Protein backbone atom coordinates (compact mmCIF):
# COMPACT_ATOMS: atom_id res chain seq x y z
CA MET A 1 80.66 -31.56 -8.17
CA GLU A 2 83.71 -29.61 -6.93
CA ALA A 3 86.07 -32.41 -8.04
CA ALA A 4 84.53 -32.36 -11.51
CA THR A 5 85.20 -28.63 -11.91
CA TYR A 6 88.76 -28.67 -10.56
CA ASP A 7 90.51 -29.27 -13.90
CA HIS A 8 88.40 -26.68 -15.65
CA PHE A 9 89.18 -23.84 -13.26
CA PHE A 10 92.84 -24.66 -12.61
CA SER A 11 94.09 -26.19 -15.87
CA HIS A 12 92.06 -25.09 -18.86
CA GLY A 13 93.37 -22.13 -20.81
CA ARG A 14 97.01 -22.81 -19.95
CA PRO A 15 99.47 -23.60 -22.78
CA GLU A 16 99.96 -27.15 -21.50
CA ALA A 17 96.22 -27.89 -21.35
CA ASP A 18 94.99 -30.85 -23.40
CA PRO A 19 92.76 -29.50 -26.23
CA ASP A 20 90.67 -32.69 -26.22
CA GLU A 21 89.96 -32.28 -22.51
CA MET A 22 88.83 -28.70 -23.10
CA ASN A 23 86.58 -29.72 -25.99
CA ASN A 24 84.96 -32.39 -23.81
CA CYS A 25 84.48 -30.08 -20.83
CA HIS A 26 80.89 -28.91 -20.30
CA TRP A 27 82.01 -25.60 -18.77
CA CYS A 28 84.27 -24.87 -21.75
CA GLN A 29 81.45 -25.72 -24.15
CA ILE A 30 78.93 -23.34 -22.59
CA ARG A 31 81.55 -20.61 -22.10
CA SER A 32 82.25 -20.71 -25.84
CA PHE A 33 78.69 -19.58 -26.67
CA ALA A 34 78.44 -15.95 -27.81
CA THR A 35 75.69 -15.30 -25.25
CA HIS A 36 77.61 -16.63 -22.23
CA LYS A 37 78.58 -13.29 -20.68
CA THR A 38 75.07 -11.80 -20.78
CA ILE A 39 72.73 -14.82 -20.48
CA PRO A 40 74.84 -17.70 -19.15
CA ILE A 41 74.01 -21.36 -18.72
CA THR A 42 75.11 -22.68 -15.33
CA ILE A 43 75.30 -26.19 -13.86
CA VAL A 44 74.72 -26.71 -10.14
CA ASN A 45 74.45 -29.73 -7.87
CA ASP A 46 74.02 -28.49 -4.31
CA ARG A 47 72.31 -31.59 -2.98
CA PRO A 48 74.21 -32.93 0.06
CA ASP A 49 73.24 -36.51 -0.84
CA SER A 50 74.65 -36.41 -4.38
CA ASN A 51 77.97 -35.62 -6.10
CA GLU A 52 76.72 -36.56 -9.56
CA VAL A 53 77.82 -34.61 -12.64
CA LEU A 54 76.49 -34.54 -16.19
CA ASN A 55 77.39 -37.48 -18.41
CA PRO A 56 80.88 -36.67 -19.81
CA ASP A 57 79.80 -37.98 -23.23
CA PHE A 58 77.12 -35.29 -23.53
CA ARG A 59 78.01 -32.19 -25.58
CA PHE A 60 76.40 -28.74 -25.37
CA ILE A 61 75.48 -27.16 -28.71
CA ASP A 62 73.84 -23.82 -29.56
CA HIS A 63 72.20 -24.94 -32.81
CA SER A 64 70.80 -28.22 -34.06
CA ILE A 65 73.02 -30.52 -36.13
CA ILE A 66 71.60 -31.97 -39.36
CA ALA A 67 72.75 -35.58 -39.68
CA ASP A 68 73.94 -37.23 -42.88
CA GLY A 69 71.07 -38.44 -45.05
CA VAL A 70 68.60 -35.77 -43.91
CA PRO A 71 67.14 -33.97 -46.96
CA VAL A 72 67.16 -30.18 -47.03
CA ALA A 73 65.50 -27.83 -49.49
CA GLU A 74 67.47 -26.65 -52.50
CA ASP A 75 68.53 -23.02 -52.57
CA SER A 76 66.27 -22.35 -55.56
CA PHE A 77 63.21 -23.05 -53.38
CA ARG A 78 64.23 -20.69 -50.57
CA THR A 79 62.38 -17.43 -50.14
CA GLY A 80 62.02 -14.57 -47.70
CA CYS A 81 59.87 -11.47 -47.39
CA ASP A 82 60.61 -8.25 -49.26
CA CYS A 83 58.87 -5.93 -46.78
CA ALA A 84 59.86 -2.28 -47.12
CA ASP A 85 60.47 -1.92 -43.38
CA ASP A 86 60.33 -3.99 -40.20
CA GLU A 87 56.84 -2.86 -39.25
CA ASP A 88 55.41 -4.32 -42.46
CA CYS A 89 56.45 -7.78 -41.23
CA MET A 90 53.49 -7.77 -38.82
CA TYR A 91 50.82 -7.59 -41.52
CA SER A 92 49.18 -9.71 -44.19
CA THR A 93 51.48 -8.23 -46.84
CA CYS A 94 54.48 -10.11 -45.37
CA TYR A 95 55.17 -13.30 -47.31
CA CYS A 96 56.48 -15.07 -44.19
CA LEU A 97 53.04 -14.78 -42.57
CA ASP A 98 51.02 -16.15 -45.52
CA GLU A 99 49.94 -19.17 -43.48
CA MET A 100 49.32 -17.40 -40.17
CA ALA A 101 45.66 -16.91 -39.24
CA PRO A 102 44.71 -13.18 -39.21
CA ASP A 103 43.50 -11.30 -36.14
CA SER A 104 40.16 -9.79 -37.13
CA ASP A 105 40.27 -7.30 -34.28
CA GLU A 106 43.73 -6.00 -35.12
CA ASP A 107 43.04 -4.04 -38.34
CA THR A 108 45.25 -1.01 -38.89
CA ASP A 109 45.16 1.64 -41.62
CA ASP A 110 47.71 1.16 -44.39
CA PRO A 111 49.67 4.44 -44.57
CA THR A 112 49.98 4.12 -48.35
CA ASN A 113 46.26 4.09 -49.20
CA GLY A 114 44.31 4.43 -45.97
CA ARG A 115 42.78 0.99 -46.31
CA PRO A 116 42.73 -1.35 -43.31
CA ARG A 117 45.36 -4.07 -43.31
CA ARG A 118 45.09 -7.12 -41.14
CA LYS A 119 47.70 -8.35 -38.68
CA ARG A 120 48.92 -11.93 -38.90
CA PHE A 121 51.65 -11.33 -36.36
CA ALA A 122 52.00 -13.95 -33.57
CA TYR A 123 53.38 -11.49 -31.01
CA HIS A 124 52.33 -8.32 -29.22
CA SER A 125 54.00 -5.48 -31.06
CA GLY A 126 54.13 -2.66 -28.51
CA GLY A 127 53.81 -1.64 -24.91
CA ALA A 128 54.69 -3.76 -21.89
CA LYS A 129 53.82 -7.00 -23.73
CA ALA A 130 55.99 -6.39 -26.79
CA GLY A 131 57.55 -9.66 -27.99
CA LEU A 132 55.20 -11.90 -25.98
CA LEU A 133 52.98 -14.42 -27.76
CA ARG A 134 49.40 -13.25 -28.26
CA GLY A 135 46.81 -15.12 -26.20
CA ARG A 136 45.13 -16.52 -29.30
CA VAL A 137 48.35 -18.26 -30.33
CA LEU A 138 49.41 -19.18 -26.80
CA ASP A 139 46.13 -21.00 -26.19
CA SER A 140 46.41 -22.95 -29.44
CA ARG A 141 48.75 -25.49 -30.99
CA GLU A 142 49.09 -23.60 -34.25
CA PRO A 143 52.57 -23.06 -35.68
CA ILE A 144 54.44 -19.77 -35.53
CA TYR A 145 55.84 -18.25 -38.72
CA GLU A 146 58.74 -15.83 -38.45
CA CYS A 147 61.03 -13.80 -40.65
CA HIS A 148 64.55 -15.16 -41.07
CA ASP A 149 67.99 -14.52 -42.54
CA GLY A 150 66.64 -14.75 -46.09
CA CYS A 151 64.30 -11.79 -45.54
CA ASN A 152 64.67 -8.14 -46.44
CA CYS A 153 63.92 -6.98 -42.88
CA SER A 154 66.58 -6.27 -40.24
CA LEU A 155 67.61 -8.30 -37.23
CA ARG A 156 65.48 -5.94 -35.13
CA CYS A 157 62.31 -7.05 -36.95
CA PRO A 158 59.56 -7.69 -34.34
CA ASN A 159 58.80 -10.97 -36.13
CA ARG A 160 62.18 -12.49 -35.25
CA VAL A 161 61.64 -13.52 -31.62
CA VAL A 162 62.78 -17.16 -31.83
CA GLU A 163 65.18 -16.20 -34.62
CA ARG A 164 67.14 -13.97 -32.23
CA GLY A 165 67.51 -16.80 -29.72
CA ARG A 166 67.34 -17.24 -25.96
CA THR A 167 67.24 -14.05 -23.89
CA VAL A 168 67.15 -15.44 -20.32
CA PRO A 169 69.83 -17.23 -18.27
CA LEU A 170 69.17 -20.88 -17.44
CA GLN A 171 70.47 -23.10 -14.66
CA ILE A 172 70.71 -26.89 -14.83
CA PHE A 173 70.33 -28.27 -11.31
CA ARG A 174 70.05 -31.61 -9.54
CA THR A 175 66.48 -32.37 -8.41
CA GLU A 176 65.37 -34.47 -5.48
CA ASN A 177 64.01 -37.45 -7.41
CA ARG A 178 63.96 -36.73 -11.14
CA GLY A 179 67.61 -36.41 -12.10
CA TRP A 180 68.59 -33.07 -13.56
CA GLY A 181 66.15 -30.21 -14.09
CA VAL A 182 66.21 -26.61 -15.31
CA LYS A 183 65.19 -23.32 -13.71
CA CYS A 184 65.65 -19.65 -14.50
CA PRO A 185 67.17 -17.18 -12.00
CA VAL A 186 64.95 -14.35 -13.30
CA ASP A 187 61.18 -14.02 -13.72
CA ILE A 188 59.70 -15.28 -17.00
CA ARG A 189 56.46 -13.76 -18.27
CA LYS A 190 53.49 -15.55 -19.76
CA GLY A 191 53.98 -15.72 -23.52
CA GLN A 192 57.75 -15.20 -23.33
CA PHE A 193 60.08 -17.26 -25.50
CA VAL A 194 62.49 -19.30 -23.36
CA ASP A 195 64.64 -21.42 -25.68
CA ARG A 196 64.59 -24.03 -28.44
CA TYR A 197 64.91 -27.78 -28.02
CA LEU A 198 68.12 -28.65 -29.86
CA GLY A 199 69.71 -31.87 -30.95
CA GLU A 200 70.75 -33.98 -33.88
CA ILE A 201 68.12 -33.95 -36.64
CA ILE A 202 67.79 -37.49 -37.97
CA THR A 203 65.46 -39.51 -40.18
CA GLY A 204 62.59 -41.48 -38.68
CA LYS A 205 64.31 -44.70 -39.75
CA GLU A 206 67.47 -43.74 -37.86
CA ALA A 207 65.39 -42.74 -34.82
CA ASP A 208 63.75 -46.19 -34.79
CA ARG A 209 67.16 -47.84 -35.08
CA ARG A 210 68.43 -45.87 -32.08
CA ARG A 211 65.36 -46.81 -30.07
CA ALA A 212 65.91 -50.49 -30.86
CA GLU A 213 69.60 -50.30 -29.92
CA SER A 214 69.05 -48.48 -26.66
CA THR A 215 69.47 -50.65 -23.59
CA ILE A 216 66.76 -48.60 -21.94
CA SER A 217 64.68 -48.00 -25.05
CA ARG A 218 61.76 -46.40 -23.21
CA ARG A 219 64.04 -43.67 -21.85
CA LYS A 220 65.18 -42.96 -25.40
CA ASP A 221 61.78 -41.38 -26.03
CA VAL A 222 62.54 -38.79 -23.36
CA TYR A 223 65.01 -37.17 -25.78
CA LEU A 224 63.45 -37.86 -29.19
CA PHE A 225 60.86 -35.42 -30.54
CA ALA A 226 59.24 -35.82 -33.95
CA LEU A 227 59.14 -32.92 -36.39
CA ASP A 228 55.72 -33.98 -37.60
CA LYS A 229 53.70 -30.75 -37.39
CA PHE A 230 53.49 -30.45 -41.19
CA TRP A 231 53.79 -34.11 -42.15
CA ASP A 232 51.27 -34.97 -44.87
CA PRO A 233 51.67 -38.21 -46.86
CA GLY A 234 49.48 -36.66 -49.58
CA SER A 235 51.49 -33.45 -49.89
CA LEU A 236 52.88 -32.43 -53.28
CA ASP A 237 56.04 -31.36 -51.45
CA PRO A 238 58.20 -34.52 -51.23
CA LEU A 239 59.88 -33.21 -48.06
CA LEU A 240 56.53 -33.02 -46.26
CA ALA A 241 55.19 -36.28 -47.75
CA ALA A 242 58.19 -38.27 -46.52
CA PRO A 243 58.20 -39.79 -43.00
CA PRO A 244 58.85 -37.01 -40.44
CA LEU A 245 62.30 -36.29 -39.12
CA GLU A 246 63.13 -36.41 -35.41
CA VAL A 247 65.34 -34.40 -33.05
CA ASP A 248 67.58 -36.50 -30.80
CA GLY A 249 68.90 -34.49 -27.86
CA GLU A 250 70.32 -37.34 -25.80
CA TRP A 251 74.01 -36.82 -26.53
CA MET A 252 74.10 -33.30 -27.99
CA SER A 253 71.70 -30.50 -27.13
CA GLY A 254 71.22 -27.27 -25.20
CA PRO A 255 70.02 -26.74 -21.62
CA THR A 256 66.38 -27.52 -22.54
CA ARG A 257 67.36 -31.16 -22.94
CA PHE A 258 67.35 -31.36 -19.11
CA ILE A 259 63.86 -29.89 -18.65
CA ASN A 260 61.55 -32.35 -16.91
CA HIS A 261 58.03 -33.39 -17.85
CA SER A 262 54.94 -32.25 -15.97
CA CYS A 263 51.27 -33.06 -16.54
CA GLN A 264 50.63 -29.47 -15.39
CA PRO A 265 53.51 -27.64 -17.12
CA ASN A 266 54.46 -23.99 -17.17
CA MET A 267 55.77 -24.10 -20.77
CA ARG A 268 54.67 -25.50 -24.13
CA ILE A 269 56.49 -26.42 -27.32
CA PHE A 270 55.43 -24.60 -30.49
CA ALA A 271 56.49 -25.41 -34.04
CA ARG A 272 58.31 -22.36 -35.38
CA VAL A 273 58.91 -21.95 -39.12
CA GLY A 274 61.48 -19.66 -40.71
CA ASP A 275 62.08 -20.43 -44.38
CA HIS A 276 58.91 -22.11 -45.72
CA ALA A 277 61.05 -24.39 -47.87
CA ASP A 278 62.29 -26.16 -44.75
CA LYS A 279 59.01 -26.62 -42.87
CA HIS A 280 59.99 -30.28 -42.36
CA ILE A 281 62.93 -29.03 -40.21
CA HIS A 282 60.96 -26.57 -38.07
CA ASP A 283 62.17 -25.35 -34.69
CA LEU A 284 60.76 -26.69 -31.41
CA ALA A 285 60.34 -23.43 -29.49
CA LEU A 286 59.48 -23.37 -25.79
CA PHE A 287 57.23 -20.54 -24.56
CA ALA A 288 55.96 -19.85 -21.03
CA ILE A 289 52.21 -20.44 -20.78
CA GLN A 290 52.02 -18.72 -17.39
CA ASP A 291 54.12 -16.31 -15.36
CA ILE A 292 57.07 -18.26 -13.92
CA PRO A 293 58.72 -16.78 -10.81
CA ALA A 294 62.52 -16.82 -10.62
CA GLY A 295 63.80 -20.14 -9.28
CA ASP A 296 60.73 -22.23 -10.17
CA GLU A 297 61.52 -25.41 -12.09
CA LEU A 298 60.71 -25.18 -15.80
CA THR A 299 58.55 -27.99 -17.21
CA PHE A 300 56.64 -28.97 -20.33
CA ASP A 301 54.34 -31.84 -21.24
CA TYR A 302 56.37 -34.42 -23.20
CA VAL A 303 53.20 -35.83 -24.77
CA ASP A 304 51.13 -32.66 -25.14
CA GLY A 305 48.00 -33.35 -27.21
CA LEU A 306 48.08 -37.16 -27.08
CA ASP A 307 44.67 -37.65 -25.46
CA GLU A 308 44.67 -41.43 -25.92
CA LEU A 309 47.10 -41.69 -22.98
CA GLU A 310 44.22 -40.86 -20.63
CA SER A 311 42.43 -44.10 -21.49
CA ASP A 312 45.62 -46.18 -21.62
CA ALA A 313 46.46 -45.13 -18.04
CA HIS A 314 43.35 -46.99 -16.85
CA ASP A 315 43.93 -50.15 -18.88
CA PRO A 316 45.70 -52.77 -16.65
CA ALA A 317 46.97 -54.63 -19.72
CA LYS A 318 48.77 -51.51 -20.98
CA MET A 319 49.76 -50.02 -17.62
CA LYS A 320 52.38 -52.67 -16.92
CA ASP A 321 54.43 -51.53 -19.92
CA MET A 322 54.00 -47.78 -19.38
CA THR A 323 56.58 -45.38 -17.92
CA LYS A 324 55.51 -43.99 -14.55
CA CYS A 325 55.25 -40.21 -14.21
CA LEU A 326 56.94 -38.54 -11.22
CA CYS A 327 55.73 -34.97 -11.74
CA ARG A 328 53.52 -34.90 -8.60
CA ALA A 329 51.04 -32.50 -10.22
CA LYS A 330 47.46 -32.60 -8.89
CA CYS A 331 46.27 -33.58 -12.37
CA CYS A 332 49.07 -36.10 -12.98
CA ARG A 333 48.05 -38.79 -15.50
CA GLY A 334 50.21 -41.31 -13.67
CA PHE A 335 52.22 -42.36 -16.72
CA LEU A 336 54.31 -40.75 -19.45
CA TRP A 337 53.66 -43.32 -22.18
């Protein structure tokens, strides 16, 4: 690990430094992020039995890359809320929350007419839990709808949690038996947003081609995640009726690309929607589903919600082709897929 960092610390930034070497350097990539000074990403391998470094062909990015051939909504279809102030973005009057289920026990008087108005907000809005996902949402698999850069509200809007990005530092570290993993050097609270899963957004056809070309095709599925939360072949929206897109984080992604699977995870992926016109390109947002002490490894279930795996794991004919799970959880299913 020390040899791998030598050039970065003693050569980069000098006039004679090779620009290509700096662009391909993982430390230079993560130092270029606007959030580096306050919430850095670090890479550590302190295992005495390993001097392995990250694959030099991997590139850190701080936003997903839309590949050629991926359809996006036309500007004429884009919309945002016209709420008078940020507080209005928590209630049923906010256009962005049209598809969020209301909280029947969260009625508040409308200051304009005294009538009760119903919250559709996914987050706690005040007190010690401000910005954390409400229990009703955290215990579900329903999508999260947020305000975005096309809205009338400010960047301080309480309905822009994922929109504002990661707020905790993350460390990529070498595990004992599962390659690289990720942990956080500070405590993370239940319901807290951690980060998005980033990558190259590609068509399903291209994803299948990459799977077929991969020399270890089963491992390819570790990095590919389908954006299929809103896929509906019968939808009148051609973007939602088309085969779902996928996010490929194998060669370009953020630190969450190195988070390991667990059958008993401490995080869960939620579909997060900004502009409704681009629901087919929704974010994959990772939230803590329990309090996570500083230094604990972060995990999520790669196949959350696929109950048929339970029966497949007991079928000898299918077990021989399945990928073994190494999470060591008490409730481990034994296999990933």
